[in-house]
Each structure stands twice: as C-alpha cells, then as structure tokens.
Amino acid sequence: MSSKKRHRGRPQEIPRNWVTGRAYDLHIQLEQVWSKLGGPLLAANTEQEVKAAFEEFAKPYTDNYVPERIADIFTLIKDQKFPKKKEAQINFLGDSLGGRPNLSLRSSRDICEKERAKQRRKTKHKIIRNEFYIECTCGYKGPALDNACRKCGAEIPVSIFGRTGRVSSLVEEEL
C-alpha cells in the first residue's frame, strides 16, 4: 500500500486541461458568430439584452451560454479591463468562461495564460536523426549514418548505448 503525498499549494478543483479545453471550445464558437454577435453584445446594458443578443445572433450555441453564463458574460463585457480589439475580446471571454462554474473568472484566465506560456516555451524543433562518431573494423572512421557504418553498413548494437545514450563500461574497456 503506497500513500501519495499531497502536492504543495491549494488542491485543484478541476484539472487545468479541462479549463483550457473548454476555453478553446468557447474561442472557436465565439469566433464563428462574433461578426454578428459582437456589436449587439457589447451594446447590451442589461443581462436581458445579453440573452437576447445570444438568442438572435448565436443560435447554434445559445444552449451553451443561456441561461448559465449570461450573468458572467454581462459582468465581463462591463469590466474596465475588457479589451477593445475583436480577437482579444474573444480570447478574454473564452478564457474567463473556461473554468466556470468551478473557478472564478480571473482564476480561469490565469490558468489559460499559464498553459499558453508553457506552449510558447516549448520548441517547435525535434531531433530527427541521432549520429555518433565511430571507428569500424572495416577501417572507416567518422560519423555514423543512422546508427550504422557509412562504408560497410555495420549497425551499432543497441546494447552499447542502452537507454542512457552512453557507451557501456564493457565497450569503454575495449576502446
């Protein structure tokens, strides 16, 4: 029987990938209807006007927003920090609503931003070939091609490098 230690900090209410997944879905939905929905939504002065805007201009997605998220949307569009540009508005709404009702609007945005920052830090490059400098019994000395001798094609045994990628002690003694 093994006991798992609790991680530092406050326990998560829902997994981060759920929040980012929901936010991504909401981004896509809002992008598809924003050309019609954006103007009436931003002009709304009451929750009823927000509801009417969704029912009229976002018919395919009305069930996702009405009535559960209407109060949150109204709060967001009246927020002083609500962005001015179209793409930023869509992102702000999607990120804020991604964690609802389990998380606050701000916490949901923070989680989405942290996950986006992780993705930006990852490199887009990948190692596609691993080569070594070899000395073969056929007399070839130089870089290997696809873990084999370029002259005779003798392959480098997998056991030499194992899982660590280092030459084993037996081979080091022979060299």
C-alpha atoms as a PDB file:
ATOM      1  CA  MET A   1       0.000   0.000   0.000  1.00  0.00           C
ATOM      2  CA  SER A   2       1.527   3.285  -1.067  1.00  0.00           C
ATOM      3  CA  SER A   3       0.456   6.676   0.162  1.00  0.00           C
ATOM      4  CA  LYS A   4       0.580   9.623  -2.179  1.00  0.00           C
ATOM      5  CA  LYS A   5       1.737  12.845  -0.662  1.00  0.00           C
ATOM      6  CA  ARG A   6      -0.348  15.867  -1.397  1.00  0.00           C
ATOM      7  CA  HIS A   7       1.393  18.422  -3.597  1.00  0.00           C
ATOM      8  CA  ARG A   8       2.211  21.886  -2.361  1.00  0.00           C
ATOM      9  CA  GLY A   9      -0.395  24.600  -2.642  1.00  0.00           C
ATOM     10  CA  ARG A  10      -4.145  24.601  -2.819  1.00  0.00           C
ATOM     11  CA  PRO A  11      -5.671  21.459  -4.354  1.00  0.00           C
ATOM     12  CA  GLN A  12      -7.068  21.825  -7.860  1.00  0.00           C
ATOM     13  CA  GLU A  13     -10.828  21.899  -8.163  1.00  0.00           C
ATOM     14  CA  ILE A  14     -10.729  20.748 -11.776  1.00  0.00           C
ATOM     15  CA  PRO A  15      -7.770  19.731 -13.973  1.00  0.00           C
ATOM     16  CA  ARG A  16      -6.072  22.512 -15.917  1.00  0.00           C
ATOM     17  CA  ASN A  17      -6.549  20.766 -19.239  1.00  0.00           C
ATOM     18  CA  TRP A  18     -10.334  20.836 -18.710  1.00  0.00           C
ATOM     19  CA  VAL A  19     -10.218  24.592 -18.275  1.00  0.00           C
ATOM     20  CA  THR A  20      -8.042  25.130 -21.352  1.00  0.00           C
ATOM     21  CA  GLY A  21     -10.121  22.665 -23.372  1.00  0.00           C
ATOM     22  CA  ARG A  22     -13.375  24.424 -22.530  1.00  0.00           C
ATOM     23  CA  ALA A  23     -11.782  27.805 -23.211  1.00  0.00           C
ATOM     24  CA  TYR A  24     -10.589  26.587 -26.625  1.00  0.00           C
ATOM     25  CA  ASP A  25     -14.090  25.361 -27.494  1.00  0.00           C
ATOM     26  CA  LEU A  26     -15.564  28.699 -26.466  1.00  0.00           C
ATOM     27  CA  HIS A  27     -12.964  30.569 -28.562  1.00  0.00           C
ATOM     28  CA  ILE A  28     -13.997  28.619 -31.643  1.00  0.00           C
ATOM     29  CA  GLN A  29     -17.706  29.143 -31.020  1.00  0.00           C
ATOM     30  CA  LEU A  30     -17.329  32.868 -30.407  1.00  0.00           C
ATOM     31  CA  GLU A  31     -15.076  33.337 -33.460  1.00  0.00           C
ATOM     32  CA  GLN A  32     -17.736  31.783 -35.689  1.00  0.00           C
ATOM     33  CA  VAL A  33     -20.523  34.135 -34.566  1.00  0.00           C
ATOM     34  CA  TRP A  34     -18.622  37.237 -33.421  1.00  0.00           C
ATOM     35  CA  SER A  35     -19.158  39.213 -36.661  1.00  0.00           C
ATOM     36  CA  LYS A  36     -22.910  39.262 -35.933  1.00  0.00           C
ATOM     37  CA  LEU A  37     -22.877  38.906 -32.156  1.00  0.00           C
ATOM     38  CA  GLY A  38     -20.104  41.337 -31.204  1.00  0.00           C
ATOM     39  CA  GLY A  39     -21.909  44.631 -31.823  1.00  0.00           C
ATOM     40  CA  PRO A  40     -25.202  43.832 -30.065  1.00  0.00           C
ATOM     41  CA  LEU A  41     -23.408  42.070 -27.219  1.00  0.00           C
ATOM     42  CA  LEU A  42     -21.101  44.990 -26.474  1.00  0.00           C
ATOM     43  CA  ALA A  43     -24.012  47.441 -26.724  1.00  0.00           C
ATOM     44  CA  ALA A  44     -26.067  45.491 -24.143  1.00  0.00           C
ATOM     45  CA  ASN A  45     -26.833  47.300 -20.887  1.00  0.00           C
ATOM     46  CA  THR A  46     -28.696  44.522 -19.062  1.00  0.00           C
ATOM     47  CA  GLU A  47     -28.491  40.764 -18.733  1.00  0.00           C
ATOM     48  CA  GLN A  48     -31.745  40.501 -20.701  1.00  0.00           C
ATOM     49  CA  GLU A  49     -30.130  42.296 -23.660  1.00  0.00           C
ATOM     50  CA  VAL A  50     -27.150  39.925 -23.478  1.00  0.00           C
ATOM     51  CA  LYS A  51     -29.541  36.966 -23.504  1.00  0.00           C
ATOM     52  CA  ALA A  52     -31.471  38.432 -26.458  1.00  0.00           C
ATOM     53  CA  ALA A  53     -28.220  39.004 -28.394  1.00  0.00           C
ATOM     54  CA  PHE A  54     -27.197  35.360 -27.949  1.00  0.00           C
ATOM     55  CA  GLU A  55     -30.641  34.047 -28.844  1.00  0.00           C
ATOM     56  CA  GLU A  56     -30.782  36.156 -32.002  1.00  0.00           C
ATOM     57  CA  PHE A  57     -27.187  36.174 -33.300  1.00  0.00           C
ATOM     58  CA  ALA A  58     -25.627  32.984 -31.905  1.00  0.00           C
ATOM     59  CA  LYS A  59     -28.413  30.457 -32.489  1.00  0.00           C
ATOM     60  CA  PRO A  60     -26.218  27.344 -32.855  1.00  0.00           C
ATOM     61  CA  TYR A  61     -24.551  27.989 -29.494  1.00  0.00           C
ATOM     62  CA  THR A  62     -27.383  29.511 -27.474  1.00  0.00           C
ATOM     63  CA  ASP A  63     -27.709  26.384 -25.314  1.00  0.00           C
ATOM     64  CA  ASN A  64     -24.046  26.718 -24.247  1.00  0.00           C
ATOM     65  CA  TYR A  65     -24.487  30.255 -22.941  1.00  0.00           C
ATOM     66  CA  VAL A  66     -28.139  30.780 -21.972  1.00  0.00           C
ATOM     67  CA  PRO A  67     -29.039  30.977 -19.088  1.00  0.00           C
ATOM     68  CA  GLU A  68     -25.987  29.745 -17.075  1.00  0.00           C
ATOM     69  CA  ARG A  69     -23.325  32.092 -18.421  1.00  0.00           C
ATOM     70  CA  ILE A  70     -25.330  35.243 -19.151  1.00  0.00           C
ATOM     71  CA  ALA A  71     -24.561  36.915 -15.791  1.00  0.00           C
ATOM     72  CA  ASP A  72     -20.850  36.135 -16.190  1.00  0.00           C
ATOM     73  CA  ILE A  73     -20.787  37.478 -19.757  1.00  0.00           C
ATOM     74  CA  PHE A  74     -22.525  40.680 -18.695  1.00  0.00           C
ATOM     75  CA  THR A  75     -20.004  41.112 -15.865  1.00  0.00           C
ATOM     76  CA  LEU A  76     -17.111  40.575 -18.286  1.00  0.00           C
ATOM     77  CA  ILE A  77     -18.249  42.974 -21.005  1.00  0.00           C
ATOM     78  CA  LYS A  78     -18.781  45.708 -18.384  1.00  0.00           C
ATOM     79  CA  ASP A  79     -15.358  45.066 -16.803  1.00  0.00           C
ATOM     80  CA  GLN A  80     -12.941  48.015 -17.092  1.00  0.00           C
ATOM     81  CA  LYS A  81     -10.228  45.644 -18.347  1.00  0.00           C
ATOM     82  CA  PHE A  82     -12.383  44.270 -21.181  1.00  0.00           C
ATOM     83  CA  PRO A  83     -10.247  44.541 -24.357  1.00  0.00           C
ATOM     84  CA  LYS A  84     -11.043  46.806 -27.317  1.00  0.00           C
ATOM     85  CA  LYS A  85      -9.887  44.575 -30.184  1.00  0.00           C
ATOM     86  CA  LYS A  86     -12.004  41.772 -31.617  1.00  0.00           C
ATOM     87  CA  GLU A  87      -9.556  38.888 -31.162  1.00  0.00           C
ATOM     88  CA  ALA A  88      -8.654  39.972 -27.644  1.00  0.00           C
ATOM     89  CA  GLN A  89     -12.345  40.216 -26.712  1.00  0.00           C
ATOM     90  CA  ILE A  90     -12.978  36.665 -27.921  1.00  0.00           C
ATOM     91  CA  ASN A  91      -9.941  35.380 -26.013  1.00  0.00           C
ATOM     92  CA  PHE A  92     -10.936  37.274 -22.863  1.00  0.00           C
ATOM     93  CA  LEU A  93     -14.456  35.831 -22.878  1.00  0.00           C
ATOM     94  CA  GLY A  94     -13.336  32.292 -23.760  1.00  0.00           C
ATOM     95  CA  ASP A  95     -10.556  32.184 -21.177  1.00  0.00           C
ATOM     96  CA  SER A  96     -12.760  33.672 -18.458  1.00  0.00           C
ATOM     97  CA  LEU A  97     -15.661  31.284 -19.022  1.00  0.00           C
ATOM     98  CA  GLY A  98     -13.489  28.157 -19.451  1.00  0.00           C
ATOM     99  CA  GLY A  99     -13.380  27.379 -15.723  1.00  0.00           C
ATOM    100  CA  ARG A 100     -16.927  28.363 -14.790  1.00  0.00           C
ATOM    101  CA  PRO A 101     -18.732  27.476 -12.529  1.00  0.00           C
ATOM    102  CA  ASN A 102     -15.906  25.809 -10.568  1.00  0.00           C
ATOM    103  CA  LEU A 103     -13.395  28.665 -10.810  1.00  0.00           C
ATOM    104  CA  SER A 104     -13.611  32.417 -10.683  1.00  0.00           C
ATOM    105  CA  LEU A 105     -13.362  34.337 -13.938  1.00  0.00           C
ATOM    106  CA  ARG A 106      -9.901  35.632 -13.035  1.00  0.00           C
ATOM    107  CA  SER A 107      -8.559  32.212 -11.990  1.00  0.00           C
ATOM    108  CA  SER A 108      -9.747  30.726 -15.243  1.00  0.00           C
ATOM    109  CA  ARG A 109      -7.908  33.416 -17.241  1.00  0.00           C
ATOM    110  CA  ASP A 110      -4.753  32.879 -15.169  1.00  0.00           C
ATOM    111  CA  ILE A 111      -4.768  29.125 -15.833  1.00  0.00           C
ATOM    112  CA  CYS A 112      -5.244  29.652 -19.577  1.00  0.00           C
ATOM    113  CA  GLU A 113      -2.410  32.182 -19.678  1.00  0.00           C
ATOM    114  CA  LYS A 114      -0.020  29.885 -17.783  1.00  0.00           C
ATOM    115  CA  GLU A 115      -0.779  26.980 -20.125  1.00  0.00           C
ATOM    116  CA  ARG A 116      -0.303  29.227 -23.181  1.00  0.00           C
ATOM    117  CA  ALA A 117       3.052  30.358 -21.771  1.00  0.00           C
ATOM    118  CA  LYS A 118       4.115  26.703 -21.375  1.00  0.00           C
ATOM    119  CA  GLN A 119       3.280  26.058 -25.029  1.00  0.00           C
ATOM    120  CA  ARG A 120       5.269  29.116 -26.141  1.00  0.00           C
ATOM    121  CA  ARG A 121       8.311  27.906 -24.190  1.00  0.00           C
ATOM    122  CA  LYS A 122       8.309  24.578 -25.992  1.00  0.00           C
ATOM    123  CA  THR A 123      10.482  24.479 -29.059  1.00  0.00           C
ATOM    124  CA  LYS A 124       8.993  23.572 -32.391  1.00  0.00           C
ATOM    125  CA  HIS A 125      12.153  21.703 -33.379  1.00  0.00           C
ATOM    126  CA  LYS A 126      12.650  17.955 -32.962  1.00  0.00           C
ATOM    127  CA  ILE A 127      15.662  15.682 -33.331  1.00  0.00           C
ATOM    128  CA  ILE A 128      15.115  13.645 -36.473  1.00  0.00           C
ATOM    129  CA  ARG A 129      18.434  11.806 -36.570  1.00  0.00           C
ATOM    130  CA  ASN A 130      20.975  10.818 -33.925  1.00  0.00           C
ATOM    131  CA  GLU A 131      24.556  10.278 -35.113  1.00  0.00           C
ATOM    132  CA  PHE A 132      27.788   9.162 -33.488  1.00  0.00           C
ATOM    133  CA  TYR A 133      31.458   9.280 -34.418  1.00  0.00           C
ATOM    134  CA  ILE A 134      32.536   5.666 -34.966  1.00  0.00           C
ATOM    135  CA  GLU A 135      35.572   3.574 -35.715  1.00  0.00           C
ATOM    136  CA  CYS A 136      34.602   0.424 -37.593  1.00  0.00           C
ATOM    137  CA  THR A 137      36.559  -2.816 -38.128  1.00  0.00           C
ATOM    138  CA  CYS A 138      36.343  -2.184 -41.895  1.00  0.00           C
ATOM    139  CA  GLY A 139      38.668   0.800 -41.366  1.00  0.00           C
ATOM    140  CA  TYR A 140      36.102   3.594 -41.565  1.00  0.00           C
ATOM    141  CA  LYS A 141      36.493   6.434 -39.071  1.00  0.00           C
ATOM    142  CA  GLY A 142      33.898   9.198 -38.988  1.00  0.00           C
ATOM    143  CA  PRO A 143      30.272   9.974 -38.304  1.00  0.00           C
ATOM    144  CA  ALA A 144      27.761   7.138 -38.394  1.00  0.00           C
ATOM    145  CA  LEU A 145      24.750   7.292 -40.685  1.00  0.00           C
ATOM    146  CA  ASP A 146      21.519   6.160 -38.991  1.00  0.00           C
ATOM    147  CA  ASN A 147      23.474   4.266 -36.306  1.00  0.00           C
ATOM    148  CA  ALA A 148      25.494   2.300 -38.865  1.00  0.00           C
ATOM    149  CA  CYS A 149      28.879   2.460 -40.553  1.00  0.00           C
ATOM    150  CA  ARG A 150      28.785   4.606 -43.715  1.00  0.00           C
ATOM    151  CA  LYS A 151      31.237   2.296 -45.528  1.00  0.00           C
ATOM    152  CA  CYS A 152      30.051  -1.233 -44.756  1.00  0.00           C
ATOM    153  CA  GLY A 153      26.668  -0.678 -43.094  1.00  0.00           C
ATOM    154  CA  ALA A 154      27.552  -2.463 -39.820  1.00  0.00           C
ATOM    155  CA  GLU A 155      24.993  -1.340 -37.246  1.00  0.00           C
ATOM    156  CA  ILE A 156      25.837  -0.005 -33.818  1.00  0.00           C
ATOM    157  CA  PRO A 157      24.463  -2.514 -31.291  1.00  0.00           C
ATOM    158  CA  VAL A 158      21.662  -1.128 -29.176  1.00  0.00           C
ATOM    159  CA  SER A 159      23.190  -2.665 -26.053  1.00  0.00           C
ATOM    160  CA  ILE A 160      26.188  -0.343 -26.349  1.00  0.00           C
ATOM    161  CA  PHE A 161      24.127   2.777 -25.733  1.00  0.00           C
ATOM    162  CA  GLY A 162      21.293   1.313 -23.709  1.00  0.00           C
ATOM    163  CA  ARG A 163      18.676   3.753 -22.540  1.00  0.00           C
ATOM    164  CA  THR A 164      21.071   6.462 -21.372  1.00  0.00           C
ATOM    165  CA  GLY A 165      22.786   7.037 -24.710  1.00  0.00           C
ATOM    166  CA  ARG A 166      26.177   6.444 -23.085  1.00  0.00           C
ATOM    167  CA  VAL A 167      28.687   3.814 -24.081  1.00  0.00           C
ATOM    168  CA  SER A 168      28.599   0.922 -21.625  1.00  0.00           C
ATOM    169  CA  SER A 169      31.603   0.126 -19.443  1.00  0.00           C
ATOM    170  CA  LEU A 170      32.398  -3.041 -21.440  1.00  0.00           C
ATOM    171  CA  VAL A 171      32.779  -1.111 -24.679  1.00  0.00           C
ATOM    172  CA  GLU A 172      34.822   1.618 -22.943  1.00  0.00           C
ATOM    173  CA  GLU A 173      37.301  -1.047 -21.809  1.00  0.00           C
ATOM    174  CA  GLU A 174      37.650  -2.362 -25.393  1.00  0.00           C
ATOM    175  CA  LEU A 175      38.229   1.148 -26.766  1.00  0.00           C
END
